[in-house]
Amino acid sequence: MSYSIISKQNPLILASASSRRKRLLEQAGLPFRSVKSQVAEAGLFGNPEHEVCLLAEKKASEVYPRVGEYWILGADTIVVIDGTGSKIPEQETNAAHMILGKPGNAKEAGNMLRLLSGKEHRVITGICLLDPSGGTTYLKAIATDVYIKKLTDQEIDAYINTKEPIGKAGSYAIQGIGSFMVKGISGSYTNVVGLPLYALIKALISAGALKNFPLVPD
């Protein structure tokens, strides 16, 4: 079945109020409208890739009845680190890995940053694309490995005092002040910010939501 392509008159619906994801879509020049999903992000268990895909699909599906026949994008991003040997209260963990959520205060942020210090972790974003009939046309988890420098207590305390870590998955923002601690990455940079643009645009073209890219401004 053929559907209308994404345009200013027929924008992509982003099932999120995330400022990071909105900035990335603006950066790419994709017409979109943000509609916040009411799906709770807590309670991730089991395989991280499966969980982020499940949550991304739930977000998109929750928004669909409220917006009607549009292409809808759901996404969820988590930070995963080796869970062996150390644990942080309030974080989901098993023998193989620990999922770091979004710290709500300075203490939680400090615990997460000390865990990440001098180590490699993985940022995983699940993206789900619904077509205008509400059917899932794309569902995939994209992973990026991130390498963090060894952080001093002074650096951790100073970074927390900027307030940037609060509410960020893993307690840092690679696109902000937190870039000082990132030694390198392997994979998509925009995935760490919150949305893997390469995978998304490829999926939109494959699904027929876009004929070509980049889009020519009106």
N, C-alpha and C. Protein backbone atom coordinates (compact mmCIF):
# COMPACT_ATOMS: atom_id res chain seq x y z
N MET A 1 0.83 -1.20 0.00
CA MET A 1 0.00 0.00 0.00
C MET A 1 0.87 1.25 0.00
N SER A 2 0.46 2.27 -0.76
CA SER A 2 1.24 3.49 -0.88
C SER A 2 0.69 4.57 0.06
N TYR A 3 1.61 5.26 0.74
CA TYR A 3 1.24 6.33 1.66
C TYR A 3 1.92 7.64 1.24
N SER A 4 1.40 8.74 1.74
CA SER A 4 2.00 10.04 1.46
C SER A 4 3.39 10.11 2.08
N ILE A 5 4.30 10.75 1.36
CA ILE A 5 5.65 10.88 1.88
C ILE A 5 5.70 12.03 2.90
N ILE A 6 6.75 12.04 3.69
CA ILE A 6 6.93 13.07 4.70
C ILE A 6 7.21 14.42 4.03
N SER A 7 6.51 15.44 4.49
CA SER A 7 6.67 16.80 3.96
C SER A 7 6.25 17.78 5.05
N LYS A 8 6.32 19.07 4.75
CA LYS A 8 5.87 20.07 5.73
C LYS A 8 4.38 19.93 6.00
N GLN A 9 3.63 19.53 4.98
CA GLN A 9 2.20 19.34 5.14
C GLN A 9 1.87 18.00 5.78
N ASN A 10 2.82 17.07 5.71
CA ASN A 10 2.63 15.72 6.25
C ASN A 10 3.87 15.33 7.05
N PRO A 11 4.08 15.99 8.20
CA PRO A 11 5.34 15.80 8.93
C PRO A 11 5.45 14.44 9.62
N LEU A 12 6.68 14.03 9.85
CA LEU A 12 6.95 12.87 10.70
C LEU A 12 6.51 13.22 12.12
N ILE A 13 5.87 12.30 12.80
CA ILE A 13 5.49 12.51 14.20
C ILE A 13 6.55 11.87 15.09
N LEU A 14 7.22 12.67 15.90
CA LEU A 14 8.19 12.17 16.86
C LEU A 14 7.46 11.92 18.17
N ALA A 15 7.41 10.66 18.60
CA ALA A 15 6.70 10.29 19.82
C ALA A 15 7.58 10.55 21.04
N SER A 16 7.96 11.80 21.19
CA SER A 16 8.88 12.18 22.26
C SER A 16 8.92 13.69 22.38
N ALA A 17 9.22 14.16 23.59
CA ALA A 17 9.42 15.59 23.81
C ALA A 17 10.91 15.90 24.00
N SER A 18 11.77 14.92 23.71
CA SER A 18 13.21 15.06 23.92
C SER A 18 13.78 16.21 23.10
N SER A 19 14.42 17.15 23.77
CA SER A 19 15.04 18.28 23.06
C SER A 19 16.19 17.81 22.19
N ARG A 20 16.89 16.75 22.63
CA ARG A 20 18.01 16.23 21.84
C ARG A 20 17.53 15.63 20.52
N ARG A 21 16.46 14.85 20.59
CA ARG A 21 15.95 14.24 19.36
C ARG A 21 15.36 15.29 18.43
N LYS A 22 14.71 16.29 18.99
CA LYS A 22 14.16 17.36 18.15
C LYS A 22 15.28 18.11 17.45
N ARG A 23 16.37 18.39 18.15
CA ARG A 23 17.49 19.09 17.52
C ARG A 23 18.11 18.27 16.40
N LEU A 24 18.20 16.95 16.60
CA LEU A 24 18.78 16.09 15.57
C LEU A 24 17.91 16.07 14.31
N LEU A 25 16.60 16.00 14.47
CA LEU A 25 15.71 16.02 13.31
C LEU A 25 15.76 17.37 12.60
N GLU A 26 15.85 18.44 13.37
CA GLU A 26 16.00 19.77 12.77
C GLU A 26 17.31 19.86 12.01
N GLN A 27 18.37 19.32 12.60
CA GLN A 27 19.69 19.32 11.96
C GLN A 27 19.65 18.59 10.63
N ALA A 28 18.88 17.51 10.56
CA ALA A 28 18.78 16.72 9.33
C ALA A 28 17.83 17.34 8.31
N GLY A 29 17.06 18.34 8.72
CA GLY A 29 16.12 18.97 7.80
C GLY A 29 14.87 18.16 7.55
N LEU A 30 14.50 17.31 8.51
CA LEU A 30 13.29 16.49 8.36
C LEU A 30 12.09 17.21 8.97
N PRO A 31 11.02 17.44 8.20
CA PRO A 31 9.81 18.04 8.77
C PRO A 31 9.21 17.10 9.82
N PHE A 32 8.93 17.61 11.00
CA PHE A 32 8.39 16.75 12.05
C PHE A 32 7.55 17.57 13.03
N ARG A 33 6.77 16.84 13.80
CA ARG A 33 6.00 17.42 14.90
C ARG A 33 6.19 16.53 16.11
N SER A 34 6.45 17.12 17.25
CA SER A 34 6.69 16.38 18.47
C SER A 34 5.40 16.18 19.25
N VAL A 35 5.10 14.92 19.60
CA VAL A 35 3.95 14.58 20.45
C VAL A 35 4.48 13.68 21.55
N LYS A 36 4.45 14.15 22.78
CA LYS A 36 5.03 13.40 23.89
C LYS A 36 4.26 12.11 24.16
N SER A 37 4.99 11.01 24.24
CA SER A 37 4.39 9.73 24.60
C SER A 37 4.14 9.68 26.10
N GLN A 38 3.09 9.00 26.50
CA GLN A 38 2.75 8.84 27.91
C GLN A 38 3.28 7.53 28.49
N VAL A 39 4.10 6.81 27.72
CA VAL A 39 4.64 5.53 28.18
C VAL A 39 5.77 5.76 29.18
N ALA A 40 5.72 5.08 30.31
CA ALA A 40 6.78 5.19 31.33
C ALA A 40 8.04 4.49 30.84
N GLU A 41 9.21 5.06 31.16
CA GLU A 41 10.48 4.50 30.69
C GLU A 41 11.13 3.57 31.70
N ALA A 42 10.59 3.45 32.90
CA ALA A 42 11.21 2.63 33.94
C ALA A 42 10.89 1.15 33.74
N GLY A 43 11.68 0.31 34.40
CA GLY A 43 11.38 -1.12 34.44
C GLY A 43 11.92 -1.93 33.28
N LEU A 44 13.19 -1.68 32.89
CA LEU A 44 13.80 -2.45 31.82
C LEU A 44 14.43 -3.72 32.39
N PHE A 45 14.12 -4.85 31.79
CA PHE A 45 14.65 -6.13 32.24
C PHE A 45 15.12 -6.93 31.02
N GLY A 46 15.97 -7.91 31.27
CA GLY A 46 16.35 -8.82 30.20
C GLY A 46 17.31 -8.23 29.20
N ASN A 47 17.18 -8.68 27.96
CA ASN A 47 18.08 -8.28 26.88
C ASN A 47 17.91 -6.81 26.54
N PRO A 48 18.97 -6.00 26.63
CA PRO A 48 18.84 -4.55 26.41
C PRO A 48 18.32 -4.20 25.02
N GLU A 49 18.81 -4.87 23.98
CA GLU A 49 18.37 -4.57 22.62
C GLU A 49 16.88 -4.83 22.46
N HIS A 50 16.42 -5.94 23.01
CA HIS A 50 14.99 -6.26 22.94
C HIS A 50 14.17 -5.23 23.71
N GLU A 51 14.65 -4.84 24.88
CA GLU A 51 13.90 -3.92 25.73
C GLU A 51 13.74 -2.53 25.12
N VAL A 52 14.82 -2.00 24.52
CA VAL A 52 14.70 -0.66 23.93
C VAL A 52 13.79 -0.67 22.70
N CYS A 53 13.82 -1.76 21.95
CA CYS A 53 12.92 -1.88 20.80
C CYS A 53 11.47 -1.95 21.27
N LEU A 54 11.23 -2.74 22.31
CA LEU A 54 9.88 -2.88 22.85
C LEU A 54 9.36 -1.53 23.33
N LEU A 55 10.20 -0.77 24.03
CA LEU A 55 9.77 0.51 24.56
C LEU A 55 9.57 1.53 23.44
N ALA A 56 10.44 1.52 22.43
CA ALA A 56 10.27 2.42 21.29
C ALA A 56 8.95 2.15 20.58
N GLU A 57 8.62 0.87 20.41
CA GLU A 57 7.37 0.51 19.74
C GLU A 57 6.16 0.91 20.59
N LYS A 58 6.25 0.74 21.91
CA LYS A 58 5.17 1.15 22.80
C LYS A 58 4.92 2.65 22.71
N LYS A 59 6.00 3.43 22.67
CA LYS A 59 5.87 4.89 22.58
C LYS A 59 5.16 5.30 21.29
N ALA A 60 5.61 4.74 20.17
CA ALA A 60 5.00 5.08 18.89
C ALA A 60 3.53 4.66 18.86
N SER A 61 3.24 3.45 19.36
CA SER A 61 1.87 2.93 19.33
C SER A 61 0.93 3.72 20.24
N GLU A 62 1.47 4.24 21.36
CA GLU A 62 0.65 5.02 22.28
C GLU A 62 0.24 6.35 21.65
N VAL A 63 1.12 6.92 20.86
CA VAL A 63 0.85 8.22 20.23
C VAL A 63 -0.09 8.08 19.03
N TYR A 64 0.00 6.97 18.32
CA TYR A 64 -0.75 6.80 17.06
C TYR A 64 -2.23 7.16 17.16
N PRO A 65 -3.00 6.64 18.13
CA PRO A 65 -4.44 6.97 18.16
C PRO A 65 -4.72 8.45 18.36
N ARG A 66 -3.75 9.19 18.88
CA ARG A 66 -3.95 10.61 19.18
C ARG A 66 -3.63 11.53 18.01
N VAL A 67 -2.91 11.00 17.00
CA VAL A 67 -2.49 11.87 15.89
C VAL A 67 -3.08 11.47 14.54
N GLY A 68 -3.47 10.22 14.40
CA GLY A 68 -4.05 9.80 13.12
C GLY A 68 -3.01 9.28 12.15
N GLU A 69 -3.31 9.42 10.86
CA GLU A 69 -2.54 8.73 9.81
C GLU A 69 -1.29 9.51 9.39
N TYR A 70 -0.26 9.36 10.20
CA TYR A 70 1.05 9.94 9.90
C TYR A 70 2.12 8.87 10.11
N TRP A 71 3.29 9.10 9.52
CA TRP A 71 4.45 8.30 9.86
C TRP A 71 4.86 8.68 11.28
N ILE A 72 5.09 7.69 12.15
CA ILE A 72 5.39 7.95 13.55
C ILE A 72 6.71 7.29 13.95
N LEU A 73 7.54 8.05 14.65
CA LEU A 73 8.83 7.56 15.11
C LEU A 73 8.84 7.46 16.63
N GLY A 74 9.13 6.26 17.13
CA GLY A 74 9.34 6.05 18.56
C GLY A 74 10.81 5.70 18.80
N ALA A 75 11.36 6.15 19.90
CA ALA A 75 12.78 5.87 20.19
C ALA A 75 13.01 5.80 21.69
N ASP A 76 13.99 5.00 22.07
CA ASP A 76 14.40 4.94 23.47
C ASP A 76 15.89 4.64 23.52
N THR A 77 16.60 5.35 24.39
CA THR A 77 18.05 5.20 24.50
C THR A 77 18.44 4.80 25.92
N ILE A 78 19.32 3.81 26.03
CA ILE A 78 19.83 3.38 27.33
C ILE A 78 21.35 3.27 27.29
N VAL A 79 21.95 3.27 28.46
CA VAL A 79 23.39 3.07 28.61
C VAL A 79 23.60 1.74 29.34
N VAL A 80 24.47 0.90 28.78
CA VAL A 80 24.70 -0.43 29.33
C VAL A 80 26.19 -0.60 29.61
N ILE A 81 26.50 -1.13 30.79
CA ILE A 81 27.89 -1.37 31.16
C ILE A 81 28.00 -2.76 31.79
N ASP A 82 29.19 -3.32 31.76
CA ASP A 82 29.43 -4.62 32.39
C ASP A 82 28.98 -4.56 33.84
N GLY A 83 28.09 -5.45 34.22
CA GLY A 83 27.54 -5.43 35.57
C GLY A 83 28.32 -6.24 36.59
N THR A 84 29.41 -6.87 36.18
CA THR A 84 30.16 -7.74 37.08
C THR A 84 30.95 -6.94 38.11
N GLY A 85 30.82 -7.26 39.35
CA GLY A 85 31.68 -6.70 40.38
C GLY A 85 31.15 -5.49 41.12
N SER A 86 30.35 -4.66 40.47
CA SER A 86 29.85 -3.46 41.15
C SER A 86 28.40 -3.23 40.78
N LYS A 87 27.66 -2.69 41.73
CA LYS A 87 26.23 -2.45 41.52
C LYS A 87 25.86 -1.07 42.03
N ILE A 88 24.89 -0.46 41.35
CA ILE A 88 24.34 0.81 41.80
C ILE A 88 22.90 0.56 42.18
N PRO A 89 22.48 0.93 43.38
CA PRO A 89 21.07 0.78 43.72
C PRO A 89 20.19 1.53 42.74
N GLU A 90 19.00 1.07 42.55
CA GLU A 90 17.99 1.64 41.66
C GLU A 90 18.24 1.32 40.18
N GLN A 91 19.35 0.66 39.84
CA GLN A 91 19.60 0.34 38.44
C GLN A 91 19.32 -1.14 38.18
N GLU A 92 18.74 -1.43 37.00
CA GLU A 92 18.47 -2.81 36.62
C GLU A 92 19.77 -3.51 36.26
N THR A 93 19.97 -4.72 36.76
CA THR A 93 21.22 -5.40 36.49
C THR A 93 21.02 -6.92 36.45
N ASN A 94 21.90 -7.59 35.73
CA ASN A 94 22.00 -9.04 35.84
C ASN A 94 23.48 -9.37 35.82
N ALA A 95 23.83 -10.65 35.74
CA ALA A 95 25.23 -11.04 35.83
C ALA A 95 26.06 -10.48 34.68
N ALA A 96 25.45 -10.21 33.55
CA ALA A 96 26.20 -9.81 32.37
C ALA A 96 26.29 -8.29 32.19
N HIS A 97 25.25 -7.56 32.58
CA HIS A 97 25.24 -6.14 32.30
C HIS A 97 24.41 -5.35 33.30
N MET A 98 24.63 -4.05 33.29
CA MET A 98 23.87 -3.13 34.11
C MET A 98 23.32 -2.03 33.22
N ILE A 99 22.04 -1.73 33.36
CA ILE A 99 21.42 -0.67 32.58
C ILE A 99 21.38 0.59 33.43
N LEU A 100 22.02 1.64 32.95
CA LEU A 100 22.04 2.90 33.67
C LEU A 100 20.92 3.80 33.15
N GLY A 101 20.06 4.22 34.03
CA GLY A 101 18.97 5.10 33.65
C GLY A 101 19.36 6.56 33.74
N LYS A 102 18.38 7.40 34.05
CA LYS A 102 18.59 8.84 34.13
C LYS A 102 18.62 9.25 35.60
N PRO A 103 19.74 9.79 36.08
CA PRO A 103 19.83 10.17 37.49
C PRO A 103 18.87 11.30 37.83
N GLY A 104 18.27 11.20 39.01
CA GLY A 104 17.35 12.23 39.44
C GLY A 104 17.96 13.24 40.38
N ASN A 105 19.19 12.94 40.84
CA ASN A 105 19.85 13.86 41.76
C ASN A 105 21.36 13.72 41.65
N ALA A 106 22.08 14.57 42.39
CA ALA A 106 23.54 14.61 42.29
C ALA A 106 24.19 13.32 42.78
N LYS A 107 23.63 12.69 43.80
CA LYS A 107 24.21 11.46 44.32
C LYS A 107 24.15 10.34 43.27
N GLU A 108 22.99 10.19 42.65
CA GLU A 108 22.85 9.17 41.62
C GLU A 108 23.78 9.45 40.44
N ALA A 109 23.89 10.72 40.05
CA ALA A 109 24.77 11.09 38.94
C ALA A 109 26.23 10.76 39.27
N GLY A 110 26.65 11.07 40.50
CA GLY A 110 28.02 10.76 40.91
C GLY A 110 28.31 9.28 40.89
N ASN A 111 27.35 8.48 41.35
CA ASN A 111 27.54 7.02 41.34
C ASN A 111 27.72 6.50 39.91
N MET A 112 26.91 7.00 39.00
CA MET A 112 27.00 6.55 37.61
C MET A 112 28.32 6.98 36.97
N LEU A 113 28.71 8.21 37.19
CA LEU A 113 29.94 8.72 36.58
C LEU A 113 31.17 7.97 37.11
N ARG A 114 31.15 7.62 38.37
CA ARG A 114 32.27 6.84 38.93
C ARG A 114 32.31 5.43 38.35
N LEU A 115 31.15 4.89 38.05
CA LEU A 115 31.09 3.57 37.43
C LEU A 115 31.62 3.62 35.99
N LEU A 116 31.28 4.69 35.26
CA LEU A 116 31.70 4.82 33.87
C LEU A 116 33.18 5.20 33.74
N SER A 117 33.74 5.84 34.76
CA SER A 117 35.10 6.37 34.71
C SER A 117 36.14 5.33 34.29
N GLY A 118 36.89 5.65 33.26
CA GLY A 118 37.97 4.79 32.79
C GLY A 118 37.53 3.52 32.11
N LYS A 119 36.25 3.44 31.74
CA LYS A 119 35.73 2.20 31.15
C LYS A 119 35.03 2.44 29.81
N GLU A 120 34.74 1.33 29.17
CA GLU A 120 33.93 1.33 27.95
C GLU A 120 32.50 0.97 28.31
N HIS A 121 31.55 1.64 27.67
CA HIS A 121 30.16 1.25 27.83
C HIS A 121 29.47 1.31 26.48
N ARG A 122 28.25 0.86 26.45
CA ARG A 122 27.50 0.81 25.19
C ARG A 122 26.22 1.63 25.30
N VAL A 123 26.00 2.46 24.30
CA VAL A 123 24.75 3.23 24.21
C VAL A 123 23.88 2.55 23.15
N ILE A 124 22.67 2.19 23.53
CA ILE A 124 21.77 1.47 22.62
C ILE A 124 20.48 2.27 22.45
N THR A 125 20.12 2.54 21.21
CA THR A 125 18.87 3.22 20.91
C THR A 125 17.99 2.28 20.09
N GLY A 126 16.78 2.08 20.58
CA GLY A 126 15.79 1.35 19.81
C GLY A 126 14.97 2.34 19.03
N ILE A 127 14.79 2.11 17.73
CA ILE A 127 13.93 2.99 16.94
C ILE A 127 12.83 2.17 16.27
N CYS A 128 11.62 2.74 16.29
CA CYS A 128 10.45 2.09 15.71
C CYS A 128 9.77 3.07 14.78
N LEU A 129 9.45 2.62 13.59
CA LEU A 129 8.73 3.44 12.61
C LEU A 129 7.39 2.80 12.30
N LEU A 130 6.33 3.55 12.54
CA LEU A 130 4.98 3.11 12.18
C LEU A 130 4.55 3.80 10.90
N ASP A 131 3.90 3.05 9.99
CA ASP A 131 3.36 3.68 8.79
C ASP A 131 2.01 4.33 9.14
N PRO A 132 1.42 5.10 8.22
CA PRO A 132 0.17 5.81 8.53
C PRO A 132 -1.02 4.91 8.89
N SER A 133 -0.92 3.60 8.65
CA SER A 133 -1.99 2.69 9.08
C SER A 133 -1.77 2.20 10.50
N GLY A 134 -0.63 2.54 11.08
CA GLY A 134 -0.30 2.09 12.43
C GLY A 134 0.53 0.83 12.46
N GLY A 135 0.91 0.31 11.31
CA GLY A 135 1.73 -0.90 11.25
C GLY A 135 3.20 -0.61 11.44
N THR A 136 3.91 -1.52 12.10
CA THR A 136 5.35 -1.36 12.32
C THR A 136 6.10 -1.74 11.06
N THR A 137 6.81 -0.77 10.49
CA THR A 137 7.57 -1.03 9.27
C THR A 137 9.07 -1.16 9.53
N TYR A 138 9.52 -0.71 10.70
CA TYR A 138 10.94 -0.81 11.03
C TYR A 138 11.09 -0.84 12.54
N LEU A 139 11.89 -1.77 13.04
CA LEU A 139 12.13 -1.88 14.48
C LEU A 139 13.53 -2.46 14.67
N LYS A 140 14.42 -1.66 15.22
CA LYS A 140 15.81 -2.12 15.34
C LYS A 140 16.53 -1.39 16.47
N ALA A 141 17.49 -2.07 17.08
CA ALA A 141 18.35 -1.47 18.10
C ALA A 141 19.71 -1.16 17.47
N ILE A 142 20.17 0.06 17.67
CA ILE A 142 21.47 0.51 17.16
C ILE A 142 22.39 0.74 18.34
N ALA A 143 23.60 0.17 18.29
CA ALA A 143 24.54 0.26 19.42
C ALA A 143 25.81 1.02 19.04
N THR A 144 26.30 1.80 20.00
CA THR A 144 27.56 2.53 19.85
C THR A 144 28.39 2.31 21.10
N ASP A 145 29.66 1.96 20.93
CA ASP A 145 30.56 1.81 22.06
C ASP A 145 31.22 3.15 22.37
N VAL A 146 31.25 3.51 23.65
CA VAL A 146 31.80 4.79 24.09
C VAL A 146 32.90 4.54 25.11
N TYR A 147 34.02 5.25 24.96
CA TYR A 147 35.17 5.09 25.84
C TYR A 147 35.34 6.36 26.68
N ILE A 148 35.27 6.20 28.00
CA ILE A 148 35.34 7.33 28.92
C ILE A 148 36.72 7.40 29.59
N LYS A 149 37.28 8.60 29.68
CA LYS A 149 38.56 8.79 30.34
C LYS A 149 38.43 8.52 31.84
N LYS A 150 39.55 8.34 32.51
CA LYS A 150 39.55 8.19 33.96
C LYS A 150 39.23 9.56 34.57
N LEU A 151 38.17 9.62 35.32
CA LEU A 151 37.71 10.89 35.88
C LEU A 151 38.19 11.05 37.32
N THR A 152 38.63 12.26 37.66
CA THR A 152 38.99 12.56 39.04
C THR A 152 37.72 12.95 39.80
N ASP A 153 37.80 12.90 41.12
CA ASP A 153 36.66 13.32 41.92
C ASP A 153 36.33 14.79 41.67
N GLN A 154 37.36 15.60 41.46
CA GLN A 154 37.15 17.02 41.18
C GLN A 154 36.38 17.21 39.88
N GLU A 155 36.73 16.45 38.84
CA GLU A 155 36.04 16.55 37.56
C GLU A 155 34.58 16.11 37.68
N ILE A 156 34.37 15.03 38.42
CA ILE A 156 33.00 14.53 38.60
C ILE A 156 32.15 15.56 39.35
N ASP A 157 32.69 16.10 40.44
CA ASP A 157 31.95 17.08 41.22
C ASP A 157 31.66 18.34 40.41
N ALA A 158 32.65 18.80 39.65
CA ALA A 158 32.48 20.01 38.84
C ALA A 158 31.43 19.79 37.75
N TYR A 159 31.46 18.61 37.14
CA TYR A 159 30.49 18.33 36.09
C TYR A 159 29.08 18.26 36.66
N ILE A 160 28.94 17.62 37.80
CA ILE A 160 27.62 17.54 38.44
C ILE A 160 27.10 18.94 38.78
N ASN A 161 28.00 19.83 39.18
CA ASN A 161 27.60 21.20 39.53
C ASN A 161 27.09 21.99 38.33
N THR A 162 27.38 21.54 37.12
CA THR A 162 26.83 22.20 35.94
C THR A 162 25.35 21.87 35.74
N LYS A 163 24.87 20.83 36.45
CA LYS A 163 23.49 20.34 36.36
C LYS A 163 23.22 19.54 35.09
N GLU A 164 24.18 19.47 34.19
CA GLU A 164 23.95 18.77 32.92
C GLU A 164 23.66 17.27 33.09
N PRO A 165 24.31 16.57 34.02
CA PRO A 165 24.08 15.12 34.10
C PRO A 165 22.67 14.72 34.52
N ILE A 166 21.97 15.59 35.23
CA ILE A 166 20.66 15.23 35.76
C ILE A 166 19.66 15.01 34.61
N GLY A 167 19.02 13.85 34.64
CA GLY A 167 18.04 13.54 33.62
C GLY A 167 18.61 13.02 32.31
N LYS A 168 19.94 12.79 32.26
CA LYS A 168 20.57 12.25 31.05
C LYS A 168 20.90 10.78 31.27
N ALA A 169 20.59 9.94 30.30
CA ALA A 169 20.92 8.52 30.40
C ALA A 169 22.41 8.35 30.58
N GLY A 170 22.83 7.67 31.65
CA GLY A 170 24.24 7.48 31.93
C GLY A 170 24.91 8.65 32.60
N SER A 171 24.18 9.73 32.84
CA SER A 171 24.68 10.92 33.55
C SER A 171 25.64 11.79 32.76
N TYR A 172 25.54 11.76 31.43
CA TYR A 172 26.38 12.70 30.67
C TYR A 172 25.72 13.00 29.33
N ALA A 173 26.13 14.13 28.75
CA ALA A 173 25.64 14.53 27.43
C ALA A 173 26.84 14.71 26.52
N ILE A 174 26.99 13.82 25.55
CA ILE A 174 28.16 13.87 24.66
C ILE A 174 28.16 15.13 23.81
N GLN A 175 26.97 15.69 23.56
CA GLN A 175 26.87 16.88 22.73
C GLN A 175 27.05 18.17 23.53
N GLY A 176 27.26 18.02 24.85
CA GLY A 176 27.39 19.19 25.71
C GLY A 176 28.73 19.22 26.43
N ILE A 177 28.72 19.69 27.67
CA ILE A 177 29.94 19.76 28.47
C ILE A 177 30.55 18.38 28.65
N GLY A 178 29.70 17.37 28.71
CA GLY A 178 30.16 16.00 28.92
C GLY A 178 31.10 15.48 27.86
N SER A 179 31.25 16.20 26.75
CA SER A 179 32.17 15.76 25.69
C SER A 179 33.61 15.69 26.19
N PHE A 180 33.94 16.43 27.26
CA PHE A 180 35.33 16.45 27.75
C PHE A 180 35.79 15.08 28.23
N MET A 181 34.85 14.21 28.61
CA MET A 181 35.23 12.92 29.18
C MET A 181 35.26 11.78 28.16
N VAL A 182 34.80 12.05 26.93
CA VAL A 182 34.70 10.99 25.94
C VAL A 182 36.00 10.87 25.14
N LYS A 183 36.75 9.79 25.37
CA LYS A 183 38.01 9.56 24.66
C LYS A 183 37.77 9.18 23.21
N GLY A 184 36.68 8.47 22.96
CA GLY A 184 36.38 8.05 21.60
C GLY A 184 35.12 7.22 21.56
N ILE A 185 34.64 6.98 20.34
CA ILE A 185 33.45 6.14 20.17
C ILE A 185 33.67 5.22 18.98
N SER A 186 32.92 4.13 18.97
CA SER A 186 32.90 3.22 17.83
C SER A 186 31.46 3.03 17.43
N GLY A 187 31.06 3.66 16.33
CA GLY A 187 29.67 3.60 15.89
C GLY A 187 29.12 4.98 15.64
N SER A 188 27.81 5.09 15.67
CA SER A 188 27.12 6.34 15.34
C SER A 188 27.19 7.36 16.48
N TYR A 189 27.68 8.56 16.17
CA TYR A 189 27.71 9.64 17.16
C TYR A 189 26.31 10.09 17.51
N THR A 190 25.45 10.27 16.50
CA THR A 190 24.10 10.77 16.78
C THR A 190 23.29 9.76 17.59
N ASN A 191 23.68 8.50 17.53
CA ASN A 191 23.03 7.49 18.36
C ASN A 191 23.26 7.78 19.84
N VAL A 192 24.47 8.23 20.18
CA VAL A 192 24.79 8.55 21.57
C VAL A 192 24.01 9.78 22.02
N VAL A 193 23.78 10.71 21.11
CA VAL A 193 22.98 11.89 21.43
C VAL A 193 21.53 11.49 21.68
N GLY A 194 21.03 10.49 20.94
CA GLY A 194 19.67 10.03 21.18
C GLY A 194 18.90 9.53 19.98
N LEU A 195 19.51 9.62 18.77
CA LEU A 195 18.79 9.17 17.58
C LEU A 195 19.79 8.86 16.46
N PRO A 196 19.90 7.59 16.03
CA PRO A 196 20.86 7.24 14.98
C PRO A 196 20.34 7.69 13.60
N LEU A 197 20.76 8.87 13.17
CA LEU A 197 20.20 9.47 11.97
C LEU A 197 20.45 8.64 10.71
N TYR A 198 21.64 8.04 10.60
CA TYR A 198 21.93 7.24 9.40
C TYR A 198 20.92 6.12 9.26
N ALA A 199 20.71 5.36 10.35
CA ALA A 199 19.77 4.23 10.32
C ALA A 199 18.34 4.72 10.10
N LEU A 200 17.99 5.84 10.72
CA LEU A 200 16.63 6.36 10.59
C LEU A 200 16.32 6.77 9.16
N ILE A 201 17.20 7.54 8.56
CA ILE A 201 16.94 8.02 7.19
C ILE A 201 16.90 6.85 6.21
N LYS A 202 17.80 5.89 6.39
CA LYS A 202 17.78 4.69 5.54
C LYS A 202 16.46 3.96 5.68
N ALA A 203 15.95 3.86 6.92
CA ALA A 203 14.66 3.18 7.16
C ALA A 203 13.51 3.95 6.53
N LEU A 204 13.52 5.28 6.63
CA LEU A 204 12.46 6.10 6.05
C LEU A 204 12.40 5.95 4.53
N ILE A 205 13.55 5.89 3.90
CA ILE A 205 13.59 5.71 2.44
C ILE A 205 13.11 4.31 2.06
N SER A 206 13.59 3.30 2.79
CA SER A 206 13.20 1.91 2.49
C SER A 206 11.70 1.69 2.67
N ALA A 207 11.12 2.38 3.65
CA ALA A 207 9.69 2.20 3.94
C ALA A 207 8.80 3.01 3.00
N GLY A 208 9.39 3.92 2.24
CA GLY A 208 8.61 4.76 1.33
C GLY A 208 8.14 6.05 1.97
N ALA A 209 8.65 6.36 3.18
CA ALA A 209 8.29 7.61 3.84
C ALA A 209 9.01 8.80 3.22
N LEU A 210 10.15 8.52 2.59
CA LEU A 210 10.91 9.53 1.85
C LEU A 210 11.26 8.94 0.49
N LYS A 211 11.23 9.79 -0.55
CA LYS A 211 11.66 9.33 -1.87
C LYS A 211 13.17 9.44 -2.01
N ASN A 212 13.73 10.48 -1.45
CA ASN A 212 15.17 10.70 -1.52
C ASN A 212 15.58 11.59 -0.36
N PHE A 213 16.88 11.77 -0.22
CA PHE A 213 17.43 12.59 0.84
C PHE A 213 18.83 13.04 0.42
N PRO A 214 19.23 14.30 0.77
CA PRO A 214 18.55 15.33 1.57
C PRO A 214 17.33 15.92 0.87
N LEU A 215 16.44 16.51 1.67
CA LEU A 215 15.27 17.15 1.13
C LEU A 215 15.61 18.56 0.63
N VAL A 216 14.98 18.95 -0.46
CA VAL A 216 15.19 20.28 -1.02
C VAL A 216 14.26 21.26 -0.31
N PRO A 217 14.79 22.34 0.28
CA PRO A 217 13.92 23.30 0.98
C PRO A 217 12.90 23.91 0.04
N ASP A 218 11.71 24.17 0.56
CA ASP A 218 10.65 24.81 -0.24
C ASP A 218 11.02 26.26 -0.54
